[in-house]
Each structure stands twice: as C-alpha cells, then as structure tokens.
Amino acid sequence: MSENQNLLAEQRRALIVDEVRRRGGVRVNELTRKLGVSDMTVRRDLDALARQGVLEKVHGGAVPLAEASTHEPGFEAKSGLELSAKEDIARAAAELVAPGSAIALSGGTTTYALAQHLLDVPDLTVVTNSVRVADVFHSAQRTSGQRQGGATVVLTGGVRTPSDSLVGPVADQAIASLHFDVLFLGVHGISLEAGLSTPNLAEAETNRRLVQSARRVVVVADHTKWGTVGLSSFAALEQVDTLVTDAGLPSGARAEISEHLRRLIVAGEAEDGDRASNGGRGEDGDGGENGYPTEGGTDI
C-alpha cells in the first residue's frame, strides 16, 4: 500500500477498514507509512469511518467494531468497502448469466456492482427488490433510450431497508408468484453454523422467498462476509449452488466451504490449471452454467 499516495478518499478508507479487520487493529503511524499520507489525513479517515459505524477509534489508532447481530449498515456506508473485491466478483458472476434468461438480484452493494456488468447482456428479465439495482437498468434506458434486447426489470414493492432493499409482505407475495433461472444473492454474513444471515428480520423472510423461487442460487460475497453472523438465518449453505468470492478468502475457509457447496469461484485470481472440483466444467458439463464459460476466476 506504500504507493497509494493518490488514492481517492473512499479507496483509502476501504484499505483502512480491510487492514483493521485483517489485523484486528492498526495504529495511525502504521497507516501513514503504508498509505503514504499524513497522520492528519489518516485521523480524518478514521473519524469518517467511525461515524459510518464500520470501526471504532481508540487512542493512537482503530480497532474493529464489535457489531451487534442486529446492526445493519446503510448502503452508502457499505458501498465504499472492498471496492476491488466487489468489482472482481461482479465480473466473474456476470459470466454466469445467459442471454434471454430470467434472473433475480437481491439488495446489496455487490449485486449493485453486478447489475452494471449485465447492461449489455441481451433479453434479460431482471427481478429485484433493490431500488439501487433497478435504477442501474432504468438509468441506462434513460441514457441510451429503449433498445432492442434491453432488460425487462420487475421491481417488487415493499418497505425500504437501510440497504435500500424492499422487504415485507408486499415483496414476499410478489416474489412467491415468480420463478427465475438464477438468483444472485448478496449477504450480510455467511458461516458454516448459521449459513446465510442478515440483521433484518423482514429482509431474512424476503430472502427466503427469493431462494425458494430460484432454480439456482449464486451468492456473491467478498471475503469479509465469511464468519459474520446476523440476527436471522435464511438459508443453509447446502441451499447455495455457487459462491463467488474474492482472493482474500483464506485457504482454510475455501476448503470448508467447498465441502458444502457444489461450486466455489474465487474471482480475481489467475487460472491455475484445471482445479475445478467438477473437472473444469459447469453444471451442464459444457464449460459453464447454462453453457457459458466462467472466466475471470478460479474454480475450486
């Protein structure tokens, strides 16, 4: 990180949060050396991150926030974290989407990044309970106009959460009447014991409906979600077909996850021969899910 002198504030702060989580705490003088900025800049960054509720300032540095299982950060607070990891995950997950398919995207900053990589996939039907995801497609239509092959977007109703998802009985009823080929699901936390979890009880129920309506479930989650447990579990790992994550996931966690999932894709890593547990082929045996290649990541 010593060469990151010209990083944007949001990128610099994402690096700080990652360092705090990875090491369990950092000192201001360590961050100034690694980021190549002044201690005043680092202190301002720590102040901003503390206000967002993603870390706790202590004398001379910062430590991870001891989050309650009910704490739900807002969309803006999460959107600046793990930017490169989310981008890698989004690119790899987009390779799993076949033209003409019906897909669902849950709320979250990673699914928001994925949506931006799906704008050129023709003839998609996109079901989402995320205001932000829907706006990606609607904004593209406003900019380029209605075009042949553009996505058809179905936005559920419901009550808006801090992460800009629509949840509750209205959303649940709408989703229960639909069926889609693939669900791309963002999560608050993922673990062996709790499975997929969220701090929001209403969102947990809506996510259950999404999982029930999908032929295949693909979780998109960066490495910081591993080991995090929210208040309410909504799916077991065995209900997940594919996890797309980033290279920051430890090897031990990869081994544990691979015992419970059909497929683990580590985005952003160079291919290392044929390491896929299914012989390098997708579930249909022809190079990728629905016959589409899974480039941009390593199959474990």
Foldseek 3Di string as FASTA:
>chain_A
DQPQQPDDLLQLLQVQLVVQVVVQWDFLVVSCRRNVHDSVSVVVSVVVLVVQVQWADDVRTTGGDPDDLQDDGAQVSPLSHPPVFLLLLLVLVLLQDAAQFEEEEEFDNSSLSNLLVCQPRFNYEYEYQAPSSVVSLVVVCVVPNDDHRGYHYHHWAADQDSHRGHFDDRLLVVLLVAAGAEYEYEAQAAEQVQGGAHSDPRVLSSVLSNLVRYPAYEYEYEQVRYPRHHPHRNDHLLSHAEYEYEPVHDPVVVVVSVVRYNKYWHAPDDEDPQPAPVRCDDPVRQQHNVNGHRPRTYID
